Amino acid sequence: MKKIFKAFLLTLALVTISAVACASPENPTDSEVLAAYNTALPVFEWFDIKPLPTNGEEKKELGFMIYYNVTDPKIKSMDSLRSAMDKVFTSTFSSMLITSRNMYREFNGTLYVAPAGRKVNKYAGNTTFKVTQRTADKIVLQASTEIFGKDLKTVATHKTQNFDYVKTPSGWRFATFEAVK
């Protein structure tokens, strides 16, 4: 069931990429904010759960980190990574994510990744969302995720997270983001 749900979310994210580019410039609707979230999620996962793909053929060592060449045809350099991120996140958040995680490096114009993603939280259940317009240039997307007890059947609590969706000169972008599962 989780695989079907993940496939649905991935499909929804791919379909809604164009919705983010066409989001209402002044006041996005709730569905546009949720579409933006679904578009930003796989980009954030490049730094959390699912790093960009590599074939493992070329590697570079830097300190204790081993980096492998990224094989995504659309993201071949740090500039193209940054460009993809800046479509869904503020440039400040993109910079923070790139520098704080140290997962991606560029060597001789080629992007490399230290492929270390974490597993999805097996105790996390369904997530519900609430959209709240705070100001003319800030929307808060609140995510509330069920957290199951040790039996993985009974909801023990909920984890609530807020994502700031802000208006920038380039359009609406997430200024904060984190994994809900």
C-alpha atoms as a PDB file:
ATOM      1  CA  MET A   1       0.000   0.000   0.000  1.00  0.00           C
ATOM      2  CA  LYS A   2       2.853   2.398   0.833  1.00  0.00           C
ATOM      3  CA  LYS A   3       4.454   1.700  -2.566  1.00  0.00           C
ATOM      4  CA  ILE A   4       1.221   2.602  -4.328  1.00  0.00           C
ATOM      5  CA  PHE A   5       0.944   5.787  -2.245  1.00  0.00           C
ATOM      6  CA  LYS A   6       4.569   6.711  -3.026  1.00  0.00           C
ATOM      7  CA  ALA A   7       3.979   6.081  -6.732  1.00  0.00           C
ATOM      8  CA  PHE A   8       0.878   8.280  -6.562  1.00  0.00           C
ATOM      9  CA  LEU A   9       2.836  11.088  -4.853  1.00  0.00           C
ATOM     10  CA  LEU A  10       5.641  10.843  -7.409  1.00  0.00           C
ATOM     11  CA  THR A  11       3.158  10.974 -10.276  1.00  0.00           C
ATOM     12  CA  LEU A  12       1.385  13.902  -8.660  1.00  0.00           C
ATOM     13  CA  ALA A  13       4.698  15.713  -8.226  1.00  0.00           C
ATOM     14  CA  LEU A  14       5.634  15.219 -11.867  1.00  0.00           C
ATOM     15  CA  VAL A  15       2.226  16.353 -13.081  1.00  0.00           C
ATOM     16  CA  THR A  16       2.249  19.406 -10.822  1.00  0.00           C
ATOM     17  CA  ILE A  17       5.666  20.711 -11.846  1.00  0.00           C
ATOM     18  CA  SER A  18       3.963  22.878 -14.418  1.00  0.00           C
ATOM     19  CA  ALA A  19       1.467  24.048 -11.796  1.00  0.00           C
ATOM     20  CA  VAL A  20       4.282  25.558  -9.738  1.00  0.00           C
ATOM     21  CA  ALA A  21       5.540  27.525 -12.705  1.00  0.00           C
ATOM     22  CA  CYS A  22       1.986  28.776 -13.308  1.00  0.00           C
ATOM     23  CA  ALA A  23       1.082  29.424  -9.666  1.00  0.00           C
ATOM     24  CA  SER A  24      -0.951  32.550  -9.090  1.00  0.00           C
ATOM     25  CA  PRO A  25       1.629  35.322  -8.770  1.00  0.00           C
ATOM     26  CA  GLU A  26      -0.220  37.276  -6.095  1.00  0.00           C
ATOM     27  CA  ASN A  27      -2.145  34.743  -4.072  1.00  0.00           C
ATOM     28  CA  PRO A  28      -1.687  31.000  -4.679  1.00  0.00           C
ATOM     29  CA  THR A  29      -4.668  28.789  -3.941  1.00  0.00           C
ATOM     30  CA  ASP A  30      -4.466  25.999  -1.374  1.00  0.00           C
ATOM     31  CA  SER A  31      -4.182  23.443  -4.187  1.00  0.00           C
ATOM     32  CA  GLU A  32      -1.334  25.429  -5.768  1.00  0.00           C
ATOM     33  CA  VAL A  33       0.527  25.487  -2.432  1.00  0.00           C
ATOM     34  CA  LEU A  34       0.060  21.717  -2.070  1.00  0.00           C
ATOM     35  CA  ALA A  35       1.198  21.216  -5.671  1.00  0.00           C
ATOM     36  CA  ALA A  36       4.305  23.298  -4.898  1.00  0.00           C
ATOM     37  CA  TYR A  37       4.965  21.112  -1.843  1.00  0.00           C
ATOM     38  CA  ASN A  38       4.679  17.954  -3.953  1.00  0.00           C
ATOM     39  CA  THR A  39       7.109  19.437  -6.480  1.00  0.00           C
ATOM     40  CA  ALA A  40       9.602  20.518  -3.789  1.00  0.00           C
ATOM     41  CA  LEU A  41       9.522  17.198  -1.931  1.00  0.00           C
ATOM     42  CA  PRO A  42      11.572  15.117  -4.412  1.00  0.00           C
ATOM     43  CA  VAL A  43      14.101  17.963  -4.707  1.00  0.00           C
ATOM     44  CA  PHE A  44      14.501  18.057  -0.921  1.00  0.00           C
ATOM     45  CA  GLU A  45      14.853  14.267  -0.901  1.00  0.00           C
ATOM     46  CA  TRP A  46      18.039  14.623  -2.975  1.00  0.00           C
ATOM     47  CA  PHE A  47      19.567  15.748   0.339  1.00  0.00           C
ATOM     48  CA  ASP A  48      17.688  13.436   2.675  1.00  0.00           C
ATOM     49  CA  ILE A  49      16.268  10.130   1.472  1.00  0.00           C
ATOM     50  CA  LYS A  50      17.043   9.738  -2.213  1.00  0.00           C
ATOM     51  CA  PRO A  51      20.283  11.333  -3.479  1.00  0.00           C
ATOM     52  CA  LEU A  52      20.672  11.919  -7.197  1.00  0.00           C
ATOM     53  CA  PRO A  53      21.619   8.721  -9.063  1.00  0.00           C
ATOM     54  CA  THR A  54      25.170   7.610  -9.732  1.00  0.00           C
ATOM     55  CA  ASN A  55      26.600   4.672 -11.627  1.00  0.00           C
ATOM     56  CA  GLY A  56      29.561   4.425  -9.254  1.00  0.00           C
ATOM     57  CA  GLU A  57      32.074   4.423 -12.104  1.00  0.00           C
ATOM     58  CA  GLU A  58      33.902   7.639 -11.250  1.00  0.00           C
ATOM     59  CA  LYS A  59      34.748   8.516  -7.679  1.00  0.00           C
ATOM     60  CA  LYS A  60      36.589  11.284  -5.887  1.00  0.00           C
ATOM     61  CA  GLU A  61      37.757  11.275  -2.296  1.00  0.00           C
ATOM     62  CA  LEU A  62      37.735  14.424  -0.206  1.00  0.00           C
ATOM     63  CA  GLY A  63      38.719  13.910   3.419  1.00  0.00           C
ATOM     64  CA  PHE A  64      36.635  11.046   4.751  1.00  0.00           C
ATOM     65  CA  MET A  65      33.930  11.499   2.088  1.00  0.00           C
ATOM     66  CA  ILE A  66      33.748   9.505  -1.140  1.00  0.00           C
ATOM     67  CA  TYR A  67      31.812  11.160  -3.971  1.00  0.00           C
ATOM     68  CA  TYR A  68      30.503   9.445  -7.116  1.00  0.00           C
ATOM     69  CA  ASN A  69      29.565  11.065 -10.407  1.00  0.00           C
ATOM     70  CA  VAL A  70      25.904  12.050 -10.749  1.00  0.00           C
ATOM     71  CA  THR A  71      24.222  10.453 -13.773  1.00  0.00           C
ATOM     72  CA  ASP A  72      21.017  12.502 -13.892  1.00  0.00           C
ATOM     73  CA  PRO A  73      20.928  13.876 -17.463  1.00  0.00           C
ATOM     74  CA  LYS A  74      19.399  17.199 -16.343  1.00  0.00           C
ATOM     75  CA  ILE A  75      21.716  17.846 -13.388  1.00  0.00           C
ATOM     76  CA  LYS A  76      25.360  17.645 -14.370  1.00  0.00           C
ATOM     77  CA  SER A  77      26.951  20.511 -12.439  1.00  0.00           C
ATOM     78  CA  MET A  78      26.584  22.473  -9.222  1.00  0.00           C
ATOM     79  CA  ASP A  79      24.996  25.288 -11.260  1.00  0.00           C
ATOM     80  CA  SER A  80      22.317  22.975 -12.656  1.00  0.00           C
ATOM     81  CA  LEU A  81      21.693  21.545  -9.165  1.00  0.00           C
ATOM     82  CA  ARG A  82      21.320  25.058  -7.775  1.00  0.00           C
ATOM     83  CA  SER A  83      19.044  26.052 -10.662  1.00  0.00           C
ATOM     84  CA  ALA A  84      16.729  23.083 -10.027  1.00  0.00           C
ATOM     85  CA  MET A  85      16.629  23.861  -6.316  1.00  0.00           C
ATOM     86  CA  ASP A  86      15.989  27.584  -6.833  1.00  0.00           C
ATOM     87  CA  LYS A  87      12.807  26.754  -8.767  1.00  0.00           C
ATOM     88  CA  VAL A  88      11.183  25.466  -5.554  1.00  0.00           C
ATOM     89  CA  PHE A  89      13.238  26.937  -2.674  1.00  0.00           C
ATOM     90  CA  THR A  90      14.511  30.406  -1.859  1.00  0.00           C
ATOM     91  CA  SER A  91      18.142  30.929  -2.798  1.00  0.00           C
ATOM     92  CA  THR A  92      18.987  31.305   0.901  1.00  0.00           C
ATOM     93  CA  PHE A  93      17.453  27.927   1.748  1.00  0.00           C
ATOM     94  CA  SER A  94      19.100  26.305  -1.295  1.00  0.00           C
ATOM     95  CA  SER A  95      22.506  27.644  -0.200  1.00  0.00           C
ATOM     96  CA  MET A  96      22.008  26.425   3.351  1.00  0.00           C
ATOM     97  CA  LEU A  97      20.989  22.969   2.167  1.00  0.00           C
ATOM     98  CA  ILE A  98      23.941  22.639  -0.206  1.00  0.00           C
ATOM     99  CA  THR A  99      26.554  23.826   2.282  1.00  0.00           C
ATOM    100  CA  SER A 100      25.218  22.150   5.416  1.00  0.00           C
ATOM    101  CA  ARG A 101      24.845  18.662   3.977  1.00  0.00           C
ATOM    102  CA  ASN A 102      28.146  18.376   2.047  1.00  0.00           C
ATOM    103  CA  MET A 103      26.521  15.697  -0.112  1.00  0.00           C
ATOM    104  CA  TYR A 104      27.321  17.316  -3.462  1.00  0.00           C
ATOM    105  CA  ARG A 105      30.619  18.546  -4.854  1.00  0.00           C
ATOM    106  CA  GLU A 106      31.768  19.593  -8.272  1.00  0.00           C
ATOM    107  CA  PHE A 107      35.074  18.342  -9.649  1.00  0.00           C
ATOM    108  CA  ASN A 108      36.276  19.628 -13.038  1.00  0.00           C
ATOM    109  CA  GLY A 109      32.779  20.780 -14.018  1.00  0.00           C
ATOM    110  CA  THR A 110      31.088  17.474 -13.126  1.00  0.00           C
ATOM    111  CA  LEU A 111      28.687  17.006 -10.224  1.00  0.00           C
ATOM    112  CA  TYR A 112      29.433  14.274  -7.694  1.00  0.00           C
ATOM    113  CA  VAL A 113      27.378  12.974  -4.768  1.00  0.00           C
ATOM    114  CA  ALA A 114      28.193  11.140  -1.554  1.00  0.00           C
ATOM    115  CA  PRO A 115      25.144   8.842  -1.769  1.00  0.00           C
ATOM    116  CA  ALA A 116      24.041   8.566   1.843  1.00  0.00           C
ATOM    117  CA  GLY A 117      20.282   8.742   2.204  1.00  0.00           C
ATOM    118  CA  ARG A 118      18.326   7.819   5.281  1.00  0.00           C
ATOM    119  CA  LYS A 119      15.406   5.401   5.422  1.00  0.00           C
ATOM    120  CA  VAL A 120      11.820   6.596   5.616  1.00  0.00           C
ATOM    121  CA  ASN A 121      10.483   6.642   9.184  1.00  0.00           C
ATOM    122  CA  LYS A 122       8.534   3.386   9.487  1.00  0.00           C
ATOM    123  CA  TYR A 123       6.522   4.865  12.366  1.00  0.00           C
ATOM    124  CA  ALA A 124       5.188   7.742  10.242  1.00  0.00           C
ATOM    125  CA  GLY A 125       1.661   7.354   8.905  1.00  0.00           C
ATOM    126  CA  ASN A 126      -0.620   9.628   6.926  1.00  0.00           C
ATOM    127  CA  THR A 127       0.068  13.337   6.672  1.00  0.00           C
ATOM    128  CA  THR A 128      -2.599  16.015   6.478  1.00  0.00           C
ATOM    129  CA  PHE A 129      -1.985  19.607   5.423  1.00  0.00           C
ATOM    130  CA  LYS A 130      -3.408  22.993   6.344  1.00  0.00           C
ATOM    131  CA  VAL A 131      -2.667  26.169   4.377  1.00  0.00           C
ATOM    132  CA  THR A 132      -2.717  29.518   6.202  1.00  0.00           C
ATOM    133  CA  GLN A 133      -2.082  32.908   4.586  1.00  0.00           C
ATOM    134  CA  ARG A 134      -0.046  34.908   7.141  1.00  0.00           C
ATOM    135  CA  THR A 135       0.707  38.027   5.101  1.00  0.00           C
ATOM    136  CA  ALA A 136       0.514  39.072   1.455  1.00  0.00           C
ATOM    137  CA  ASP A 137       3.936  37.521   0.880  1.00  0.00           C
ATOM    138  CA  LYS A 138       3.976  34.579   3.319  1.00  0.00           C
ATOM    139  CA  ILE A 139       1.916  31.408   3.509  1.00  0.00           C
ATOM    140  CA  VAL A 140       2.433  28.679   6.097  1.00  0.00           C
ATOM    141  CA  LEU A 141       1.836  25.089   5.072  1.00  0.00           C
ATOM    142  CA  GLN A 142       1.329  23.001   8.197  1.00  0.00           C
ATOM    143  CA  ALA A 143       1.902  19.251   7.954  1.00  0.00           C
ATOM    144  CA  SER A 144       0.569  16.937  10.653  1.00  0.00           C
ATOM    145  CA  THR A 145       1.881  13.377  10.426  1.00  0.00           C
ATOM    146  CA  GLU A 146       0.581  10.401  12.386  1.00  0.00           C
ATOM    147  CA  ILE A 147       3.286   8.668  14.425  1.00  0.00           C
ATOM    148  CA  PHE A 148       2.514   5.060  15.245  1.00  0.00           C
ATOM    149  CA  GLY A 149       3.496   3.288  18.444  1.00  0.00           C
ATOM    150  CA  LYS A 150       5.800   0.271  18.579  1.00  0.00           C
ATOM    151  CA  ASP A 151       2.994  -1.985  17.341  1.00  0.00           C
ATOM    152  CA  LEU A 152       2.906   0.045  14.081  1.00  0.00           C
ATOM    153  CA  LYS A 153      -0.913  -0.025  14.266  1.00  0.00           C
ATOM    154  CA  THR A 154      -1.939   2.491  16.908  1.00  0.00           C
ATOM    155  CA  VAL A 155      -1.374   6.216  16.414  1.00  0.00           C
ATOM    156  CA  ALA A 156       0.622   7.319  19.455  1.00  0.00           C
ATOM    157  CA  THR A 157       1.019  11.000  18.563  1.00  0.00           C
ATOM    158  CA  HIS A 158       1.221  13.480  15.712  1.00  0.00           C
ATOM    159  CA  LYS A 159       4.277  15.363  14.493  1.00  0.00           C
ATOM    160  CA  THR A 160       3.470  18.880  13.294  1.00  0.00           C
ATOM    161  CA  GLN A 161       5.780  20.874  11.042  1.00  0.00           C
ATOM    162  CA  ASN A 162       5.406  24.283   9.422  1.00  0.00           C
ATOM    163  CA  PHE A 163       6.796  25.192   6.019  1.00  0.00           C
ATOM    164  CA  ASP A 164       7.143  28.857   5.086  1.00  0.00           C
ATOM    165  CA  TYR A 165       6.090  29.516   1.496  1.00  0.00           C
ATOM    166  CA  VAL A 166       7.160  33.042   0.597  1.00  0.00           C
ATOM    167  CA  LYS A 167       6.812  35.417  -2.312  1.00  0.00           C
ATOM    168  CA  THR A 168      10.155  36.242  -3.944  1.00  0.00           C
ATOM    169  CA  PRO A 169      11.013  38.285  -7.060  1.00  0.00           C
ATOM    170  CA  SER A 170      11.135  34.920  -8.912  1.00  0.00           C
ATOM    171  CA  GLY A 171       7.736  33.770  -7.621  1.00  0.00           C
ATOM    172  CA  TRP A 172       6.579  31.747  -4.629  1.00  0.00           C
ATOM    173  CA  ARG A 173       9.236  29.501  -3.039  1.00  0.00           C
ATOM    174  CA  PHE A 174       9.696  27.488   0.149  1.00  0.00           C
ATOM    175  CA  ALA A 175      11.961  29.255   2.657  1.00  0.00           C
ATOM    176  CA  THR A 176      11.852  26.281   5.036  1.00  0.00           C
ATOM    177  CA  PHE A 177      11.425  22.593   4.361  1.00  0.00           C
ATOM    178  CA  GLU A 178      12.057  19.263   6.072  1.00  0.00           C
ATOM    179  CA  ALA A 179      11.035  15.645   5.802  1.00  0.00           C
ATOM    180  CA  VAL A 180       7.681  14.646   7.265  1.00  0.00           C
ATOM    181  CA  LYS A 181       8.455  10.927   7.147  1.00  0.00           C
END
